[in-house]
Amino acid sequence: MIPRLKQGNNFEVVDKAITVVKAANVPYQVGAMETTMKGELNHLLEIVKDAQQTCFDAGALEVITNIKIHSKTESATDTFCTYDRGVPPENHMFVGK
């Protein structure tokens, strides 16, 4: 999320949005330019909407939200996502929950 404020610090507003994700009880990873969540699509979209609203409540005039969705069937045994490639637990990408 990229909030635009009339005044103030964008990073503080982004931190408030991340707090929403952390409280959502889904696996997540916060990165330098994105936050990744794992879960049921409709639930994840509700979390995104709540995070956007938090930005507006914190004074954002507008918010740009970039969303990437990775979906697969249960038959997909090989995937390009690293969390399904036998990554050892100490390097697992998702934290929280």
N, C-alpha and C. Protein backbone atom coordinates (compact mmCIF):
# COMPACT_ATOMS: atom_id res chain seq x y z
N MET A 1 0.83 -1.17 0.00
CA MET A 1 0.00 0.00 0.00
C MET A 1 0.88 1.23 0.00
N ILE A 2 0.48 2.20 -0.79
CA ILE A 2 1.17 3.47 -0.84
C ILE A 2 0.15 4.55 -0.53
N PRO A 3 0.14 5.04 0.70
CA PRO A 3 -0.80 6.11 1.04
C PRO A 3 -0.24 7.47 0.64
N ARG A 4 -1.14 8.36 0.23
CA ARG A 4 -0.74 9.75 -0.02
C ARG A 4 -1.39 10.61 1.04
N LEU A 5 -0.54 11.35 1.74
CA LEU A 5 -1.00 12.21 2.82
C LEU A 5 -0.83 13.66 2.44
N LYS A 6 -1.66 14.51 2.99
CA LYS A 6 -1.48 15.94 2.81
C LYS A 6 -0.26 16.40 3.62
N GLN A 7 -0.11 15.82 4.78
CA GLN A 7 1.06 16.06 5.62
C GLN A 7 1.28 14.86 6.52
N GLY A 8 2.48 14.69 6.99
CA GLY A 8 2.78 13.57 7.85
C GLY A 8 3.71 12.58 7.17
N ASN A 9 3.90 11.45 7.84
CA ASN A 9 4.87 10.44 7.43
C ASN A 9 4.15 9.22 6.86
N ASN A 10 4.39 8.93 5.57
CA ASN A 10 3.77 7.76 4.94
C ASN A 10 4.12 6.46 5.65
N PHE A 11 5.36 6.34 6.11
CA PHE A 11 5.80 5.10 6.73
C PHE A 11 4.98 4.78 7.99
N GLU A 12 4.61 5.80 8.74
CA GLU A 12 3.80 5.57 9.93
C GLU A 12 2.42 5.02 9.56
N VAL A 13 1.88 5.49 8.45
CA VAL A 13 0.57 5.01 7.99
C VAL A 13 0.70 3.57 7.48
N VAL A 14 1.75 3.28 6.74
CA VAL A 14 1.98 1.91 6.27
C VAL A 14 2.14 0.97 7.47
N ASP A 15 2.83 1.41 8.50
CA ASP A 15 2.98 0.59 9.71
C ASP A 15 1.62 0.26 10.32
N LYS A 16 0.68 1.20 10.28
CA LYS A 16 -0.67 0.94 10.80
C LYS A 16 -1.37 -0.12 9.95
N ALA A 17 -1.18 -0.08 8.64
CA ALA A 17 -1.76 -1.10 7.76
C ALA A 17 -1.16 -2.47 8.06
N ILE A 18 0.13 -2.52 8.30
CA ILE A 18 0.80 -3.78 8.64
C ILE A 18 0.27 -4.33 9.95
N THR A 19 -0.07 -3.46 10.88
CA THR A 19 -0.65 -3.90 12.16
C THR A 19 -1.97 -4.63 11.92
N VAL A 20 -2.74 -4.18 10.95
CA VAL A 20 -3.99 -4.86 10.59
C VAL A 20 -3.70 -6.28 10.11
N VAL A 21 -2.69 -6.42 9.27
CA VAL A 21 -2.31 -7.76 8.76
C VAL A 21 -1.86 -8.65 9.92
N LYS A 22 -1.03 -8.13 10.78
CA LYS A 22 -0.52 -8.92 11.90
C LYS A 22 -1.64 -9.40 12.81
N ALA A 23 -2.67 -8.60 12.96
CA ALA A 23 -3.79 -8.95 13.84
C ALA A 23 -4.80 -9.87 13.17
N ALA A 24 -4.64 -10.14 11.89
CA ALA A 24 -5.64 -10.89 11.12
C ALA A 24 -5.55 -12.40 11.29
N ASN A 25 -4.53 -12.88 11.96
CA ASN A 25 -4.39 -14.32 12.23
C ASN A 25 -4.27 -15.16 10.96
N VAL A 26 -3.47 -14.65 10.02
CA VAL A 26 -3.12 -15.42 8.82
C VAL A 26 -1.60 -15.44 8.71
N PRO A 27 -1.03 -16.45 8.05
CA PRO A 27 0.42 -16.42 7.82
C PRO A 27 0.77 -15.22 6.93
N TYR A 28 1.82 -14.51 7.29
CA TYR A 28 2.21 -13.32 6.53
C TYR A 28 3.72 -13.14 6.58
N GLN A 29 4.22 -12.35 5.65
CA GLN A 29 5.62 -11.93 5.66
C GLN A 29 5.67 -10.49 5.21
N VAL A 30 6.31 -9.65 5.99
CA VAL A 30 6.50 -8.25 5.63
C VAL A 30 7.85 -8.12 4.95
N GLY A 31 7.84 -7.59 3.73
CA GLY A 31 9.07 -7.37 2.98
C GLY A 31 9.33 -5.89 2.80
N ALA A 32 10.38 -5.57 2.09
CA ALA A 32 10.78 -4.18 1.89
C ALA A 32 9.72 -3.38 1.13
N MET A 33 9.11 -3.97 0.12
CA MET A 33 8.15 -3.23 -0.70
C MET A 33 6.81 -3.95 -0.83
N GLU A 34 6.61 -5.02 -0.04
CA GLU A 34 5.34 -5.73 -0.12
C GLU A 34 5.15 -6.57 1.13
N THR A 35 3.91 -6.87 1.39
CA THR A 35 3.56 -7.81 2.45
C THR A 35 2.83 -8.96 1.78
N THR A 36 3.24 -10.18 2.10
CA THR A 36 2.65 -11.37 1.52
C THR A 36 1.80 -12.06 2.58
N MET A 37 0.59 -12.45 2.20
CA MET A 37 -0.29 -13.19 3.10
C MET A 37 -0.70 -14.49 2.42
N LYS A 38 -1.05 -15.46 3.22
CA LYS A 38 -1.49 -16.75 2.70
C LYS A 38 -2.82 -17.09 3.35
N GLY A 39 -3.80 -17.47 2.51
CA GLY A 39 -5.09 -17.85 3.05
C GLY A 39 -6.17 -17.87 2.00
N GLU A 40 -7.39 -17.93 2.45
CA GLU A 40 -8.56 -17.97 1.57
C GLU A 40 -8.76 -16.58 0.97
N LEU A 41 -8.98 -16.53 -0.33
CA LEU A 41 -8.98 -15.27 -1.08
C LEU A 41 -9.94 -14.23 -0.49
N ASN A 42 -11.19 -14.59 -0.26
CA ASN A 42 -12.14 -13.59 0.24
C ASN A 42 -11.72 -13.03 1.60
N HIS A 43 -11.16 -13.89 2.45
CA HIS A 43 -10.67 -13.42 3.75
C HIS A 43 -9.50 -12.44 3.57
N LEU A 44 -8.58 -12.79 2.67
CA LEU A 44 -7.43 -11.92 2.42
C LEU A 44 -7.86 -10.57 1.86
N LEU A 45 -8.86 -10.57 0.98
CA LEU A 45 -9.35 -9.31 0.42
C LEU A 45 -10.01 -8.45 1.49
N GLU A 46 -10.67 -9.07 2.46
CA GLU A 46 -11.24 -8.31 3.58
C GLU A 46 -10.13 -7.67 4.41
N ILE A 47 -9.04 -8.39 4.61
CA ILE A 47 -7.89 -7.83 5.34
C ILE A 47 -7.33 -6.64 4.58
N VAL A 48 -7.22 -6.74 3.27
CA VAL A 48 -6.72 -5.63 2.44
C VAL A 48 -7.64 -4.42 2.59
N LYS A 49 -8.96 -4.65 2.53
CA LYS A 49 -9.90 -3.54 2.68
C LYS A 49 -9.77 -2.88 4.05
N ASP A 50 -9.61 -3.70 5.09
CA ASP A 50 -9.44 -3.16 6.45
C ASP A 50 -8.14 -2.35 6.55
N ALA A 51 -7.08 -2.85 5.92
CA ALA A 51 -5.80 -2.13 5.94
C ALA A 51 -5.91 -0.80 5.20
N GLN A 52 -6.62 -0.81 4.07
CA GLN A 52 -6.83 0.45 3.34
C GLN A 52 -7.61 1.44 4.20
N GLN A 53 -8.65 0.97 4.85
CA GLN A 53 -9.46 1.86 5.68
C GLN A 53 -8.62 2.44 6.82
N THR A 54 -7.73 1.62 7.35
CA THR A 54 -6.83 2.10 8.41
C THR A 54 -5.97 3.25 7.89
N CYS A 55 -5.52 3.15 6.64
CA CYS A 55 -4.74 4.24 6.04
C CYS A 55 -5.58 5.51 5.95
N PHE A 56 -6.82 5.37 5.50
CA PHE A 56 -7.70 6.55 5.41
C PHE A 56 -7.97 7.13 6.80
N ASP A 57 -8.21 6.26 7.76
CA ASP A 57 -8.45 6.72 9.14
C ASP A 57 -7.24 7.45 9.71
N ALA A 58 -6.05 7.11 9.20
CA ALA A 58 -4.81 7.74 9.67
C ALA A 58 -4.48 9.02 8.89
N GLY A 59 -5.37 9.42 7.97
CA GLY A 59 -5.16 10.68 7.28
C GLY A 59 -4.80 10.59 5.81
N ALA A 60 -4.75 9.39 5.24
CA ALA A 60 -4.43 9.28 3.81
C ALA A 60 -5.55 9.88 2.97
N LEU A 61 -5.16 10.63 1.95
CA LEU A 61 -6.13 11.18 1.01
C LEU A 61 -6.50 10.16 -0.05
N GLU A 62 -5.54 9.31 -0.40
CA GLU A 62 -5.76 8.22 -1.33
C GLU A 62 -4.73 7.14 -1.04
N VAL A 63 -5.01 5.92 -1.51
CA VAL A 63 -4.13 4.79 -1.26
C VAL A 63 -4.02 3.97 -2.54
N ILE A 64 -2.79 3.71 -2.97
CA ILE A 64 -2.55 2.78 -4.07
C ILE A 64 -2.26 1.42 -3.44
N THR A 65 -3.01 0.42 -3.87
CA THR A 65 -2.82 -0.93 -3.36
C THR A 65 -2.55 -1.86 -4.54
N ASN A 66 -1.38 -2.47 -4.53
CA ASN A 66 -1.02 -3.45 -5.56
C ASN A 66 -1.25 -4.83 -4.98
N ILE A 67 -2.00 -5.66 -5.71
CA ILE A 67 -2.32 -7.00 -5.24
C ILE A 67 -1.86 -8.01 -6.29
N LYS A 68 -1.15 -9.04 -5.82
CA LYS A 68 -0.79 -10.18 -6.65
C LYS A 68 -1.48 -11.39 -6.04
N ILE A 69 -2.07 -12.22 -6.87
CA ILE A 69 -2.78 -13.39 -6.38
C ILE A 69 -2.17 -14.63 -7.02
N HIS A 70 -1.76 -15.57 -6.17
CA HIS A 70 -1.26 -16.86 -6.65
C HIS A 70 -2.28 -17.91 -6.24
N SER A 71 -2.90 -18.55 -7.22
CA SER A 71 -3.88 -19.61 -6.97
C SER A 71 -3.38 -20.88 -7.64
N LYS A 72 -3.76 -22.01 -7.07
CA LYS A 72 -3.41 -23.29 -7.68
C LYS A 72 -4.43 -24.34 -7.26
N THR A 73 -4.49 -25.39 -8.03
CA THR A 73 -5.36 -26.51 -7.69
C THR A 73 -4.64 -27.44 -6.74
N GLU A 74 -5.37 -28.35 -6.12
CA GLU A 74 -4.75 -29.34 -5.25
C GLU A 74 -3.86 -30.28 -6.04
N SER A 75 -4.09 -30.38 -7.35
CA SER A 75 -3.28 -31.25 -8.21
C SER A 75 -1.91 -30.66 -8.53
N ALA A 76 -1.72 -29.39 -8.27
CA ALA A 76 -0.44 -28.74 -8.58
C ALA A 76 0.58 -29.15 -7.53
N THR A 77 1.45 -30.08 -7.91
CA THR A 77 2.47 -30.55 -6.97
C THR A 77 3.79 -29.81 -7.14
N ASP A 78 3.99 -29.17 -8.27
CA ASP A 78 5.19 -28.39 -8.52
C ASP A 78 4.74 -26.96 -8.79
N THR A 79 5.32 -26.03 -8.11
CA THR A 79 4.89 -24.64 -8.26
C THR A 79 6.09 -23.73 -8.21
N PHE A 80 5.92 -22.51 -8.69
CA PHE A 80 7.02 -21.55 -8.68
C PHE A 80 7.18 -20.85 -7.34
N CYS A 81 6.26 -21.06 -6.42
CA CYS A 81 6.37 -20.42 -5.10
C CYS A 81 7.30 -21.22 -4.19
N THR A 82 8.23 -20.55 -3.57
CA THR A 82 9.26 -21.23 -2.79
C THR A 82 8.70 -21.91 -1.56
N TYR A 83 7.57 -21.47 -1.01
CA TYR A 83 7.08 -22.12 0.21
C TYR A 83 6.60 -23.53 -0.04
N ASP A 84 6.49 -23.95 -1.29
CA ASP A 84 6.11 -25.32 -1.60
C ASP A 84 7.28 -26.14 -2.13
N ARG A 85 8.50 -25.67 -2.00
CA ARG A 85 9.66 -26.38 -2.56
C ARG A 85 10.56 -26.99 -1.49
N GLY A 86 10.03 -27.34 -0.38
CA GLY A 86 10.83 -27.98 0.65
C GLY A 86 11.77 -27.04 1.36
N VAL A 87 11.37 -25.79 1.53
CA VAL A 87 12.20 -24.83 2.25
C VAL A 87 12.26 -25.26 3.71
N PRO A 88 13.43 -25.33 4.31
CA PRO A 88 13.53 -25.73 5.71
C PRO A 88 12.78 -24.74 6.60
N PRO A 89 12.25 -25.21 7.72
CA PRO A 89 11.44 -24.34 8.60
C PRO A 89 12.12 -23.04 9.00
N GLU A 90 13.44 -23.09 9.20
CA GLU A 90 14.13 -21.87 9.63
C GLU A 90 14.16 -20.80 8.53
N ASN A 91 13.94 -21.20 7.28
CA ASN A 91 13.92 -20.24 6.19
C ASN A 91 12.53 -20.06 5.60
N HIS A 92 11.54 -20.58 6.28
CA HIS A 92 10.17 -20.49 5.76
C HIS A 92 9.75 -19.03 5.67
N MET A 93 9.06 -18.68 4.60
CA MET A 93 8.77 -17.27 4.35
C MET A 93 7.66 -16.70 5.22
N PHE A 94 6.77 -17.49 5.73
CA PHE A 94 5.63 -16.93 6.46
C PHE A 94 5.89 -16.94 7.96
N VAL A 95 5.55 -15.85 8.58
CA VAL A 95 5.63 -15.71 10.02
C VAL A 95 4.24 -15.35 10.50
N GLY A 96 4.09 -15.29 11.78
CA GLY A 96 2.80 -14.90 12.32
C GLY A 96 1.81 -16.04 12.26
N LYS A 97 0.73 -15.85 12.85
CA LYS A 97 -0.42 -16.73 13.01
C LYS A 97 -0.35 -17.54 14.24
